[in-house]
Amino acid sequence: DSYDPVRDAFAVYDPHQTGFIDTGTLRRIFHDLGYGEIADEDVDVLV
């Protein structure tokens, strides 16, 4: 009853448990997915 798959997925993007997805994590995810470095402007658009 308490299982929340969205909350569990969010935890992957919030590894420091701040309650927010930080830009450093966004950059790491894109890098890990093989997209390389992401420009500041692109991070701003994502946020």
ModelCIF file with pLDDT and N, C-alpha, C, O atoms, coordinates in Angstrom:
data_MODEL
#
_entry.id   MODEL 
#
_entity.id                         1 
_entity.type                       polymer 
_entity.pdbx_number_of_molecules   1 
#
_entity_poly.entity_id                      1 
_entity_poly.type                           'polypeptide(L)' 
_entity_poly.nstd_linkage                   no 
_entity_poly.nstd_monomer                   no 
_entity_poly.pdbx_seq_one_letter_code       DSYDPVRDAFAVYDPHQTGFIDTGTLRRIFHDLGYGEIADEDVDVLV 
_entity_poly.pdbx_seq_one_letter_code_can   DSYDPVRDAFAVYDPHQTGFIDTGTLRRIFHDLGYGEIADEDVDVLV 
_entity_poly.pdbx_strand_id                 A 
#
loop_
_entity_poly_seq.entity_id 
_entity_poly_seq.num 
_entity_poly_seq.mon_id 
_entity_poly_seq.hetero 
1 1  ASP n 
1 2  SER n 
1 3  TYR n 
1 4  ASP n 
1 5  PRO n 
1 6  VAL n 
1 7  ARG n 
1 8  ASP n 
1 9  ALA n 
1 10 PHE n 
1 11 ALA n 
1 12 VAL n 
1 13 TYR n 
1 14 ASP n 
1 15 PRO n 
1 16 HIS n 
1 17 GLN n 
1 18 THR n 
1 19 GLY n 
1 20 PHE n 
1 21 ILE n 
1 22 ASP n 
1 23 THR n 
1 24 GLY n 
1 25 THR n 
1 26 LEU n 
1 27 ARG n 
1 28 ARG n 
1 29 ILE n 
1 30 PHE n 
1 31 HIS n 
1 32 ASP n 
1 33 LEU n 
1 34 GLY n 
1 35 TYR n 
1 36 GLY n 
1 37 GLU n 
1 38 ILE n 
1 39 ALA n 
1 40 ASP n 
1 41 GLU n 
1 42 ASP n 
1 43 VAL n 
1 44 ASP n 
1 45 VAL n 
1 46 LEU n 
1 47 VAL n 
#
_struct_asym.id          A 
_struct_asym.entity_id   1 
#
loop_
_ma_qa_metric.id 
_ma_qa_metric.mode 
_ma_qa_metric.name 
_ma_qa_metric.software_group_id 
_ma_qa_metric.type 
1 global pLDDT . pLDDT 
2 local  pLDDT . pLDDT 
#
_ma_qa_metric_global.metric_id      1 
_ma_qa_metric_global.metric_value   92.89 
_ma_qa_metric_global.model_id       1 
_ma_qa_metric_global.ordinal_id     1 
#
loop_
_ma_qa_metric_local.label_asym_id 
_ma_qa_metric_local.label_comp_id 
_ma_qa_metric_local.label_seq_id 
_ma_qa_metric_local.metric_id 
_ma_qa_metric_local.metric_value 
_ma_qa_metric_local.model_id 
_ma_qa_metric_local.ordinal_id 
A ASP 1  2 69.00 1 1  
A SER 2  2 82.00 1 2  
A TYR 3  2 91.00 1 3  
A ASP 4  2 94.00 1 4  
A PRO 5  2 94.00 1 5  
A VAL 6  2 95.00 1 6  
A ARG 7  2 96.00 1 7  
A ASP 8  2 95.00 1 8  
A ALA 9  2 94.00 1 9  
A PHE 10 2 96.00 1 10 
A ALA 11 2 96.00 1 11 
A VAL 12 2 92.00 1 12 
A TYR 13 2 93.00 1 13 
A ASP 14 2 96.00 1 14 
A PRO 15 2 92.00 1 15 
A HIS 16 2 93.00 1 16 
A GLN 17 2 95.00 1 17 
A THR 18 2 96.00 1 18 
A GLY 19 2 97.00 1 19 
A PHE 20 2 97.00 1 20 
A ILE 21 2 95.00 1 21 
A ASP 22 2 92.00 1 22 
A THR 23 2 92.00 1 23 
A GLY 24 2 92.00 1 24 
A THR 25 2 91.00 1 25 
A LEU 26 2 90.00 1 26 
A ARG 27 2 94.00 1 27 
A ARG 28 2 92.00 1 28 
A ILE 29 2 89.00 1 29 
A PHE 30 2 90.00 1 30 
A HIS 31 2 94.00 1 31 
A ASP 32 2 94.00 1 32 
A LEU 33 2 93.00 1 33 
A GLY 34 2 95.00 1 34 
A TYR 35 2 92.00 1 35 
A GLY 36 2 93.00 1 36 
A GLU 37 2 93.00 1 37 
A ILE 38 2 93.00 1 38 
A ALA 39 2 94.00 1 39 
A ASP 40 2 95.00 1 40 
A GLU 41 2 96.00 1 41 
A ASP 42 2 94.00 1 42 
A VAL 43 2 94.00 1 43 
A ASP 44 2 95.00 1 44 
A VAL 45 2 95.00 1 45 
A LEU 46 2 92.00 1 46 
A VAL 47 2 94.00 1 47 
#
loop_
_atom_site.group_PDB 
_atom_site.id 
_atom_site.type_symbol 
_atom_site.label_atom_id 
_atom_site.label_alt_id 
_atom_site.label_comp_id 
_atom_site.label_asym_id 
_atom_site.label_entity_id 
_atom_site.label_seq_id 
_atom_site.pdbx_PDB_ins_code 
_atom_site.Cartn_x 
_atom_site.Cartn_y 
_atom_site.Cartn_z 
_atom_site.occupancy 
_atom_site.B_iso_or_equiv 
_atom_site.pdbx_formal_charge 
_atom_site.auth_seq_id 
_atom_site.auth_comp_id 
_atom_site.auth_asym_id 
_atom_site.auth_atom_id 
_atom_site.pdbx_PDB_model_num 
ATOM 1   N N  . ASP A 1 1  ? 0.813  -1.211 0.000   1.00 69.00 ? 1  ASP A N  1 
ATOM 2   C CA . ASP A 1 1  ? 0.000  0.000  0.000   1.00 69.00 ? 1  ASP A CA 1 
ATOM 3   C C  . ASP A 1 1  ? 0.849  1.264  0.000   1.00 69.00 ? 1  ASP A C  1 
ATOM 4   O O  . ASP A 1 1  ? 0.409  2.296  -0.508  1.00 69.00 ? 1  ASP A O  1 
ATOM 5   N N  . SER A 1 2  ? 2.048  1.208  0.554   1.00 82.00 ? 2  SER A N  1 
ATOM 6   C CA . SER A 1 2  ? 2.892  2.387  0.636   1.00 82.00 ? 2  SER A CA 1 
ATOM 7   C C  . SER A 1 2  ? 3.896  2.478  -0.521  1.00 82.00 ? 2  SER A C  1 
ATOM 8   O O  . SER A 1 2  ? 4.676  3.429  -0.590  1.00 82.00 ? 2  SER A O  1 
ATOM 9   N N  . TYR A 1 3  ? 3.879  1.521  -1.404  1.00 91.00 ? 3  TYR A N  1 
ATOM 10  C CA . TYR A 1 3  ? 4.808  1.527  -2.537  1.00 91.00 ? 3  TYR A CA 1 
ATOM 11  C C  . TYR A 1 3  ? 4.476  2.675  -3.483  1.00 91.00 ? 3  TYR A C  1 
ATOM 12  O O  . TYR A 1 3  ? 3.331  2.823  -3.909  1.00 91.00 ? 3  TYR A O  1 
ATOM 13  N N  . ASP A 1 4  ? 5.460  3.471  -3.804  1.00 94.00 ? 4  ASP A N  1 
ATOM 14  C CA . ASP A 1 4  ? 5.294  4.617  -4.690  1.00 94.00 ? 4  ASP A CA 1 
ATOM 15  C C  . ASP A 1 4  ? 6.402  4.566  -5.740  1.00 94.00 ? 4  ASP A C  1 
ATOM 16  O O  . ASP A 1 4  ? 7.513  5.026  -5.478  1.00 94.00 ? 4  ASP A O  1 
ATOM 17  N N  . PRO A 1 5  ? 6.122  4.014  -6.924  1.00 94.00 ? 5  PRO A N  1 
ATOM 18  C CA . PRO A 1 5  ? 7.177  3.860  -7.929  1.00 94.00 ? 5  PRO A CA 1 
ATOM 19  C C  . PRO A 1 5  ? 7.752  5.187  -8.404  1.00 94.00 ? 5  PRO A C  1 
ATOM 20  O O  . PRO A 1 5  ? 8.930  5.251  -8.756  1.00 94.00 ? 5  PRO A O  1 
ATOM 21  N N  . VAL A 1 6  ? 6.957  6.239  -8.423  1.00 95.00 ? 6  VAL A N  1 
ATOM 22  C CA . VAL A 1 6  ? 7.482  7.548  -8.847  1.00 95.00 ? 6  VAL A CA 1 
ATOM 23  C C  . VAL A 1 6  ? 8.465  8.071  -7.806  1.00 95.00 ? 6  VAL A C  1 
ATOM 24  O O  . VAL A 1 6  ? 9.517  8.605  -8.157  1.00 95.00 ? 6  VAL A O  1 
ATOM 25  N N  . ARG A 1 7  ? 8.126  7.920  -6.529  1.00 96.00 ? 7  ARG A N  1 
ATOM 26  C CA . ARG A 1 7  ? 9.043  8.341  -5.471  1.00 96.00 ? 7  ARG A CA 1 
ATOM 27  C C  . ARG A 1 7  ? 10.340 7.539  -5.544  1.00 96.00 ? 7  ARG A C  1 
ATOM 28  O O  . ARG A 1 7  ? 11.425 8.092  -5.365  1.00 96.00 ? 7  ARG A O  1 
ATOM 29  N N  . ASP A 1 8  ? 10.229 6.239  -5.806  1.00 95.00 ? 8  ASP A N  1 
ATOM 30  C CA . ASP A 1 8  ? 11.424 5.403  -5.916  1.00 95.00 ? 8  ASP A CA 1 
ATOM 31  C C  . ASP A 1 8  ? 12.277 5.819  -7.114  1.00 95.00 ? 8  ASP A C  1 
ATOM 32  O O  . ASP A 1 8  ? 13.505 5.836  -7.025  1.00 95.00 ? 8  ASP A O  1 
ATOM 33  N N  . ALA A 1 9  ? 11.632 6.153  -8.232  1.00 94.00 ? 9  ALA A N  1 
ATOM 34  C CA . ALA A 1 9  ? 12.380 6.621  -9.408  1.00 94.00 ? 9  ALA A CA 1 
ATOM 35  C C  . ALA A 1 9  ? 13.034 7.966  -9.110  1.00 94.00 ? 9  ALA A C  1 
ATOM 36  O O  . ALA A 1 9  ? 14.177 8.201  -9.503  1.00 94.00 ? 9  ALA A O  1 
ATOM 37  N N  . PHE A 1 10 ? 12.319 8.849  -8.422  1.00 96.00 ? 10 PHE A N  1 
ATOM 38  C CA . PHE A 1 10 ? 12.863 10.159 -8.066  1.00 96.00 ? 10 PHE A CA 1 
ATOM 39  C C  . PHE A 1 10 ? 14.118 10.005 -7.211  1.00 96.00 ? 10 PHE A C  1 
ATOM 40  O O  . PHE A 1 10 ? 15.062 10.784 -7.346  1.00 96.00 ? 10 PHE A O  1 
ATOM 41  N N  . ALA A 1 11 ? 14.132 9.013  -6.342  1.00 96.00 ? 11 ALA A N  1 
ATOM 42  C CA . ALA A 1 11 ? 15.286 8.797  -5.462  1.00 96.00 ? 11 ALA A CA 1 
ATOM 43  C C  . ALA A 1 11 ? 16.564 8.562  -6.257  1.00 96.00 ? 11 ALA A C  1 
ATOM 44  O O  . ALA A 1 11 ? 17.652 8.893  -5.785  1.00 96.00 ? 11 ALA A O  1 
ATOM 45  N N  . VAL A 1 12 ? 16.450 7.999  -7.451  1.00 92.00 ? 12 VAL A N  1 
ATOM 46  C CA . VAL A 1 12 ? 17.623 7.799  -8.312  1.00 92.00 ? 12 VAL A CA 1 
ATOM 47  C C  . VAL A 1 12 ? 18.201 9.144  -8.732  1.00 92.00 ? 12 VAL A C  1 
ATOM 48  O O  . VAL A 1 12 ? 19.417 9.300  -8.842  1.00 92.00 ? 12 VAL A O  1 
ATOM 49  N N  . TYR A 1 13 ? 17.321 10.115 -8.966  1.00 93.00 ? 13 TYR A N  1 
ATOM 50  C CA . TYR A 1 13 ? 17.738 11.446 -9.405  1.00 93.00 ? 13 TYR A CA 1 
ATOM 51  C C  . TYR A 1 13 ? 18.060 12.368 -8.231  1.00 93.00 ? 13 TYR A C  1 
ATOM 52  O O  . TYR A 1 13 ? 18.557 13.476 -8.434  1.00 93.00 ? 13 TYR A O  1 
ATOM 53  N N  . ASP A 1 14 ? 17.787 11.928 -7.029  1.00 96.00 ? 14 ASP A N  1 
ATOM 54  C CA . ASP A 1 14 ? 18.058 12.698 -5.811  1.00 96.00 ? 14 ASP A CA 1 
ATOM 55  C C  . ASP A 1 14 ? 18.898 11.852 -4.859  1.00 96.00 ? 14 ASP A C  1 
ATOM 56  O O  . ASP A 1 14 ? 18.449 11.524 -3.761  1.00 96.00 ? 14 ASP A O  1 
ATOM 57  N N  . PRO A 1 15 ? 20.120 11.495 -5.275  1.00 92.00 ? 15 PRO A N  1 
ATOM 58  C CA . PRO A 1 15 ? 20.922 10.566 -4.464  1.00 92.00 ? 15 PRO A CA 1 
ATOM 59  C C  . PRO A 1 15 ? 21.341 11.138 -3.106  1.00 92.00 ? 15 PRO A C  1 
ATOM 60  O O  . PRO A 1 15 ? 21.667 10.381 -2.192  1.00 92.00 ? 15 PRO A O  1 
ATOM 61  N N  . HIS A 1 16 ? 21.336 12.452 -2.969  1.00 93.00 ? 16 HIS A N  1 
ATOM 62  C CA . HIS A 1 16 ? 21.734 13.076 -1.702  1.00 93.00 ? 16 HIS A CA 1 
ATOM 63  C C  . HIS A 1 16 ? 20.530 13.362 -0.805  1.00 93.00 ? 16 HIS A C  1 
ATOM 64  O O  . HIS A 1 16 ? 20.667 13.933 0.277   1.00 93.00 ? 16 HIS A O  1 
ATOM 65  N N  . GLN A 1 17 ? 19.351 12.956 -1.272  1.00 95.00 ? 17 GLN A N  1 
ATOM 66  C CA . GLN A 1 17 ? 18.100 13.093 -0.525  1.00 95.00 ? 17 GLN A CA 1 
ATOM 67  C C  . GLN A 1 17 ? 17.850 14.537 -0.082  1.00 95.00 ? 17 GLN A C  1 
ATOM 68  O O  . GLN A 1 17 ? 17.505 14.805 1.069   1.00 95.00 ? 17 GLN A O  1 
ATOM 69  N N  . THR A 1 18 ? 18.037 15.460 -1.036  1.00 96.00 ? 18 THR A N  1 
ATOM 70  C CA . THR A 1 18 ? 17.788 16.876 -0.760  1.00 96.00 ? 18 THR A CA 1 
ATOM 71  C C  . THR A 1 18 ? 16.335 17.259 -1.000  1.00 96.00 ? 18 THR A C  1 
ATOM 72  O O  . THR A 1 18 ? 15.879 18.309 -0.547  1.00 96.00 ? 18 THR A O  1 
ATOM 73  N N  . GLY A 1 19 ? 15.602 16.394 -1.720  1.00 97.00 ? 19 GLY A N  1 
ATOM 74  C CA . GLY A 1 19 ? 14.235 16.727 -2.086  1.00 97.00 ? 19 GLY A CA 1 
ATOM 75  C C  . GLY A 1 19 ? 14.141 17.360 -3.457  1.00 97.00 ? 19 GLY A C  1 
ATOM 76  O O  . GLY A 1 19 ? 13.051 17.686 -3.927  1.00 97.00 ? 19 GLY A O  1 
ATOM 77  N N  . PHE A 1 20 ? 15.289 17.533 -4.099  1.00 97.00 ? 20 PHE A N  1 
ATOM 78  C CA . PHE A 1 20 ? 15.341 18.152 -5.415  1.00 97.00 ? 20 PHE A CA 1 
ATOM 79  C C  . PHE A 1 20 ? 16.353 17.447 -6.303  1.00 97.00 ? 20 PHE A C  1 
ATOM 80  O O  . PHE A 1 20 ? 17.320 16.858 -5.820  1.00 97.00 ? 20 PHE A O  1 
ATOM 81  N N  . ILE A 1 21 ? 16.119 17.516 -7.603  1.00 95.00 ? 21 ILE A N  1 
ATOM 82  C CA . ILE A 1 21 ? 17.096 17.001 -8.570  1.00 95.00 ? 21 ILE A CA 1 
ATOM 83  C C  . ILE A 1 21 ? 18.052 18.141 -8.860  1.00 95.00 ? 21 ILE A C  1 
ATOM 84  O O  . ILE A 1 21 ? 17.639 19.181 -9.373  1.00 95.00 ? 21 ILE A O  1 
ATOM 85  N N  . ASP A 1 22 ? 19.326 17.960 -8.538  1.00 92.00 ? 22 ASP A N  1 
ATOM 86  C CA . ASP A 1 22 ? 20.271 19.045 -8.771  1.00 92.00 ? 22 ASP A CA 1 
ATOM 87  C C  . ASP A 1 22 ? 20.895 18.942 -10.162 1.00 92.00 ? 22 ASP A C  1 
ATOM 88  O O  . ASP A 1 22 ? 20.861 17.891 -10.802 1.00 92.00 ? 22 ASP A O  1 
ATOM 89  N N  . THR A 1 23 ? 21.457 20.042 -10.605 1.00 92.00 ? 23 THR A N  1 
ATOM 90  C CA . THR A 1 23 ? 21.998 20.103 -11.967 1.00 92.00 ? 23 THR A CA 1 
ATOM 91  C C  . THR A 1 23 ? 23.191 19.174 -12.146 1.00 92.00 ? 23 THR A C  1 
ATOM 92  O O  . THR A 1 23 ? 23.415 18.658 -13.241 1.00 92.00 ? 23 THR A O  1 
ATOM 93  N N  . GLY A 1 24 ? 23.951 18.957 -11.089 1.00 92.00 ? 24 GLY A N  1 
ATOM 94  C CA . GLY A 1 24 ? 25.075 18.028 -11.186 1.00 92.00 ? 24 GLY A CA 1 
ATOM 95  C C  . GLY A 1 24 ? 24.602 16.615 -11.481 1.00 92.00 ? 24 GLY A C  1 
ATOM 96  O O  . GLY A 1 24 ? 25.237 15.890 -12.247 1.00 92.00 ? 24 GLY A O  1 
ATOM 97  N N  . THR A 1 25 ? 23.500 16.227 -10.881 1.00 91.00 ? 25 THR A N  1 
ATOM 98  C CA . THR A 1 25 ? 22.933 14.907 -11.134 1.00 91.00 ? 25 THR A CA 1 
ATOM 99  C C  . THR A 1 25 ? 22.407 14.821 -12.560 1.00 91.00 ? 25 THR A C  1 
ATOM 100 O O  . THR A 1 25 ? 22.595 13.805 -13.230 1.00 91.00 ? 25 THR A O  1 
ATOM 101 N N  . LEU A 1 26 ? 21.749 15.881 -13.030 1.00 90.00 ? 26 LEU A N  1 
ATOM 102 C CA . LEU A 1 26 ? 21.287 15.890 -14.428 1.00 90.00 ? 26 LEU A CA 1 
ATOM 103 C C  . LEU A 1 26 ? 22.461 15.709 -15.382 1.00 90.00 ? 26 LEU A C  1 
ATOM 104 O O  . LEU A 1 26 ? 22.382 14.942 -16.341 1.00 90.00 ? 26 LEU A O  1 
ATOM 105 N N  . ARG A 1 27 ? 23.536 16.415 -15.112 1.00 94.00 ? 27 ARG A N  1 
ATOM 106 C CA . ARG A 1 27 ? 24.729 16.302 -15.967 1.00 94.00 ? 27 ARG A CA 1 
ATOM 107 C C  . ARG A 1 27 ? 25.275 14.874 -15.962 1.00 94.00 ? 27 ARG A C  1 
ATOM 108 O O  . ARG A 1 27 ? 25.624 14.329 -17.009 1.00 94.00 ? 27 ARG A O  1 
ATOM 109 N N  . ARG A 1 28 ? 25.346 14.279 -14.772 1.00 92.00 ? 28 ARG A N  1 
ATOM 110 C CA . ARG A 1 28 ? 25.875 12.913 -14.651 1.00 92.00 ? 28 ARG A CA 1 
ATOM 111 C C  . ARG A 1 28 ? 25.003 11.922 -15.404 1.00 92.00 ? 28 ARG A C  1 
ATOM 112 O O  . ARG A 1 28 ? 25.513 11.035 -16.090 1.00 92.00 ? 28 ARG A O  1 
ATOM 113 N N  . ILE A 1 29 ? 23.690 12.072 -15.278 1.00 89.00 ? 29 ILE A N  1 
ATOM 114 C CA . ILE A 1 29 ? 22.768 11.156 -15.945 1.00 89.00 ? 29 ILE A CA 1 
ATOM 115 C C  . ILE A 1 29 ? 22.939 11.233 -17.457 1.00 89.00 ? 29 ILE A C  1 
ATOM 116 O O  . ILE A 1 29 ? 23.017 10.203 -18.127 1.00 89.00 ? 29 ILE A O  1 
ATOM 117 N N  . PHE A 1 30 ? 22.998 12.438 -17.993 1.00 90.00 ? 30 PHE A N  1 
ATOM 118 C CA . PHE A 1 30 ? 23.183 12.584 -19.433 1.00 90.00 ? 30 PHE A CA 1 
ATOM 119 C C  . PHE A 1 30 ? 24.520 12.010 -19.878 1.00 90.00 ? 30 PHE A C  1 
ATOM 120 O O  . PHE A 1 30 ? 24.617 11.385 -20.934 1.00 90.00 ? 30 PHE A O  1 
ATOM 121 N N  . HIS A 1 31 ? 25.544 12.225 -19.069 1.00 94.00 ? 31 HIS A N  1 
ATOM 122 C CA . HIS A 1 31 ? 26.856 11.662 -19.395 1.00 94.00 ? 31 HIS A CA 1 
ATOM 123 C C  . HIS A 1 31 ? 26.805 10.138 -19.369 1.00 94.00 ? 31 HIS A C  1 
ATOM 124 O O  . HIS A 1 31 ? 27.310 9.480  -20.279 1.00 94.00 ? 31 HIS A O  1 
ATOM 125 N N  . ASP A 1 32 ? 26.191 9.577  -18.321 1.00 94.00 ? 32 ASP A N  1 
ATOM 126 C CA . ASP A 1 32 ? 26.089 8.123  -18.181 1.00 94.00 ? 32 ASP A CA 1 
ATOM 127 C C  . ASP A 1 32 ? 25.255 7.496  -19.297 1.00 94.00 ? 32 ASP A C  1 
ATOM 128 O O  . ASP A 1 32 ? 25.473 6.339  -19.658 1.00 94.00 ? 32 ASP A O  1 
ATOM 129 N N  . LEU A 1 33 ? 24.310 8.245  -19.840 1.00 93.00 ? 33 LEU A N  1 
ATOM 130 C CA . LEU A 1 33 ? 23.489 7.746  -20.947 1.00 93.00 ? 33 LEU A CA 1 
ATOM 131 C C  . LEU A 1 33 ? 24.208 7.838  -22.295 1.00 93.00 ? 33 LEU A C  1 
ATOM 132 O O  . LEU A 1 33 ? 23.682 7.413  -23.323 1.00 93.00 ? 33 LEU A O  1 
ATOM 133 N N  . GLY A 1 34 ? 25.419 8.401  -22.270 1.00 95.00 ? 34 GLY A N  1 
ATOM 134 C CA . GLY A 1 34 ? 26.206 8.468  -23.492 1.00 95.00 ? 34 GLY A CA 1 
ATOM 135 C C  . GLY A 1 34 ? 26.046 9.750  -24.291 1.00 95.00 ? 34 GLY A C  1 
ATOM 136 O O  . GLY A 1 34 ? 26.489 9.831  -25.437 1.00 95.00 ? 34 GLY A O  1 
ATOM 137 N N  . TYR A 1 35 ? 25.411 10.762 -23.685 1.00 92.00 ? 35 TYR A N  1 
ATOM 138 C CA . TYR A 1 35 ? 25.220 12.030 -24.392 1.00 92.00 ? 35 TYR A CA 1 
ATOM 139 C C  . TYR A 1 35 ? 26.383 12.988 -24.201 1.00 92.00 ? 35 TYR A C  1 
ATOM 140 O O  . TYR A 1 35 ? 26.378 14.074 -24.781 1.00 92.00 ? 35 TYR A O  1 
ATOM 141 N N  . GLY A 1 36 ? 27.371 12.622 -23.411 1.00 93.00 ? 36 GLY A N  1 
ATOM 142 C CA . GLY A 1 36 ? 28.525 13.474 -23.181 1.00 93.00 ? 36 GLY A CA 1 
ATOM 143 C C  . GLY A 1 36 ? 28.191 14.628 -22.254 1.00 93.00 ? 36 GLY A C  1 
ATOM 144 O O  . GLY A 1 36 ? 27.264 14.568 -21.446 1.00 93.00 ? 36 GLY A O  1 
ATOM 145 N N  . GLU A 1 37 ? 28.979 15.676 -22.400 1.00 93.00 ? 37 GLU A N  1 
ATOM 146 C CA . GLU A 1 37 ? 28.779 16.858 -21.570 1.00 93.00 ? 37 GLU A CA 1 
ATOM 147 C C  . GLU A 1 37 ? 27.562 17.634 -22.054 1.00 93.00 ? 37 GLU A C  1 
ATOM 148 O O  . GLU A 1 37 ? 27.330 17.749 -23.258 1.00 93.00 ? 37 GLU A O  1 
ATOM 149 N N  . ILE A 1 38 ? 26.797 18.158 -21.129 1.00 93.00 ? 38 ILE A N  1 
ATOM 150 C CA . ILE A 1 38 ? 25.611 18.935 -21.470 1.00 93.00 ? 38 ILE A CA 1 
ATOM 151 C C  . ILE A 1 38 ? 25.886 20.401 -21.137 1.00 93.00 ? 38 ILE A C  1 
ATOM 152 O O  . ILE A 1 38 ? 26.390 20.721 -20.060 1.00 93.00 ? 38 ILE A O  1 
ATOM 153 N N  . ALA A 1 39 ? 25.551 21.275 -22.064 1.00 94.00 ? 39 ALA A N  1 
ATOM 154 C CA . ALA A 1 39 ? 25.809 22.707 -21.907 1.00 94.00 ? 39 ALA A CA 1 
ATOM 155 C C  . ALA A 1 39 ? 24.935 23.304 -20.807 1.00 94.00 ? 39 ALA A C  1 
ATOM 156 O O  . ALA A 1 39 ? 23.840 22.811 -20.535 1.00 94.00 ? 39 ALA A O  1 
ATOM 157 N N  . ASP A 1 40 ? 25.428 24.368 -20.180 1.00 95.00 ? 40 ASP A N  1 
ATOM 158 C CA . ASP A 1 40 ? 24.676 25.056 -19.137 1.00 95.00 ? 40 ASP A CA 1 
ATOM 159 C C  . ASP A 1 40 ? 23.296 25.474 -19.627 1.00 95.00 ? 40 ASP A C  1 
ATOM 160 O O  . ASP A 1 40 ? 22.309 25.361 -18.901 1.00 95.00 ? 40 ASP A O  1 
ATOM 161 N N  . GLU A 1 41 ? 23.238 25.956 -20.859 1.00 96.00 ? 41 GLU A N  1 
ATOM 162 C CA . GLU A 1 41 ? 21.959 26.397 -21.427 1.00 96.00 ? 41 GLU A CA 1 
ATOM 163 C C  . GLU A 1 41 ? 20.969 25.237 -21.522 1.00 96.00 ? 41 GLU A C  1 
ATOM 164 O O  . GLU A 1 41 ? 19.773 25.415 -21.289 1.00 96.00 ? 41 GLU A O  1 
ATOM 165 N N  . ASP A 1 42 ? 21.464 24.059 -21.863 1.00 94.00 ? 42 ASP A N  1 
ATOM 166 C CA . ASP A 1 42 ? 20.596 22.882 -21.965 1.00 94.00 ? 42 ASP A CA 1 
ATOM 167 C C  . ASP A 1 42 ? 20.099 22.443 -20.592 1.00 94.00 ? 42 ASP A C  1 
ATOM 168 O O  . ASP A 1 42 ? 18.948 22.031 -20.451 1.00 94.00 ? 42 ASP A O  1 
ATOM 169 N N  . VAL A 1 43 ? 20.953 22.528 -19.590 1.00 94.00 ? 43 VAL A N  1 
ATOM 170 C CA . VAL A 1 43 ? 20.535 22.209 -18.227 1.00 94.00 ? 43 VAL A CA 1 
ATOM 171 C C  . VAL A 1 43 ? 19.448 23.192 -17.790 1.00 94.00 ? 43 VAL A C  1 
ATOM 172 O O  . VAL A 1 43 ? 18.451 22.802 -17.182 1.00 94.00 ? 43 VAL A O  1 
ATOM 173 N N  . ASP A 1 44 ? 19.653 24.466 -18.107 1.00 95.00 ? 44 ASP A N  1 
ATOM 174 C CA . ASP A 1 44 ? 18.649 25.480 -17.755 1.00 95.00 ? 44 ASP A CA 1 
ATOM 175 C C  . ASP A 1 44 ? 17.302 25.171 -18.406 1.00 95.00 ? 44 ASP A C  1 
ATOM 176 O O  . ASP A 1 44 ? 16.255 25.329 -17.778 1.00 95.00 ? 44 ASP A O  1 
ATOM 177 N N  . VAL A 1 45 ? 17.331 24.735 -19.655 1.00 95.00 ? 45 VAL A N  1 
ATOM 178 C CA . VAL A 1 45 ? 16.092 24.389 -20.360 1.00 95.00 ? 45 VAL A CA 1 
ATOM 179 C C  . VAL A 1 45 ? 15.426 23.190 -19.694 1.00 95.00 ? 45 VAL A C  1 
ATOM 180 O O  . VAL A 1 45 ? 14.211 23.190 -19.495 1.00 95.00 ? 45 VAL A O  1 
ATOM 181 N N  . LEU A 1 46 ? 16.200 22.177 -19.352 1.00 92.00 ? 46 LEU A N  1 
ATOM 182 C CA . LEU A 1 46 ? 15.637 20.994 -18.684 1.00 92.00 ? 46 LEU A CA 1 
ATOM 183 C C  . LEU A 1 46 ? 14.965 21.361 -17.359 1.00 92.00 ? 46 LEU A C  1 
ATOM 184 O O  . LEU A 1 46 ? 13.859 20.907 -17.065 1.00 92.00 ? 46 LEU A O  1 
ATOM 185 N N  . VAL A 1 47 ? 15.640 22.178 -16.578 1.00 94.00 ? 47 VAL A N  1 
ATOM 186 C CA . VAL A 1 47 ? 15.065 22.586 -15.296 1.00 94.00 ? 47 VAL A CA 1 
ATOM 187 C C  . VAL A 1 47 ? 13.799 23.405 -15.542 1.00 94.00 ? 47 VAL A C  1 
ATOM 188 O O  . VAL A 1 47 ? 13.157 23.849 -14.590 1.00 94.00 ? 47 VAL A O  1 
#
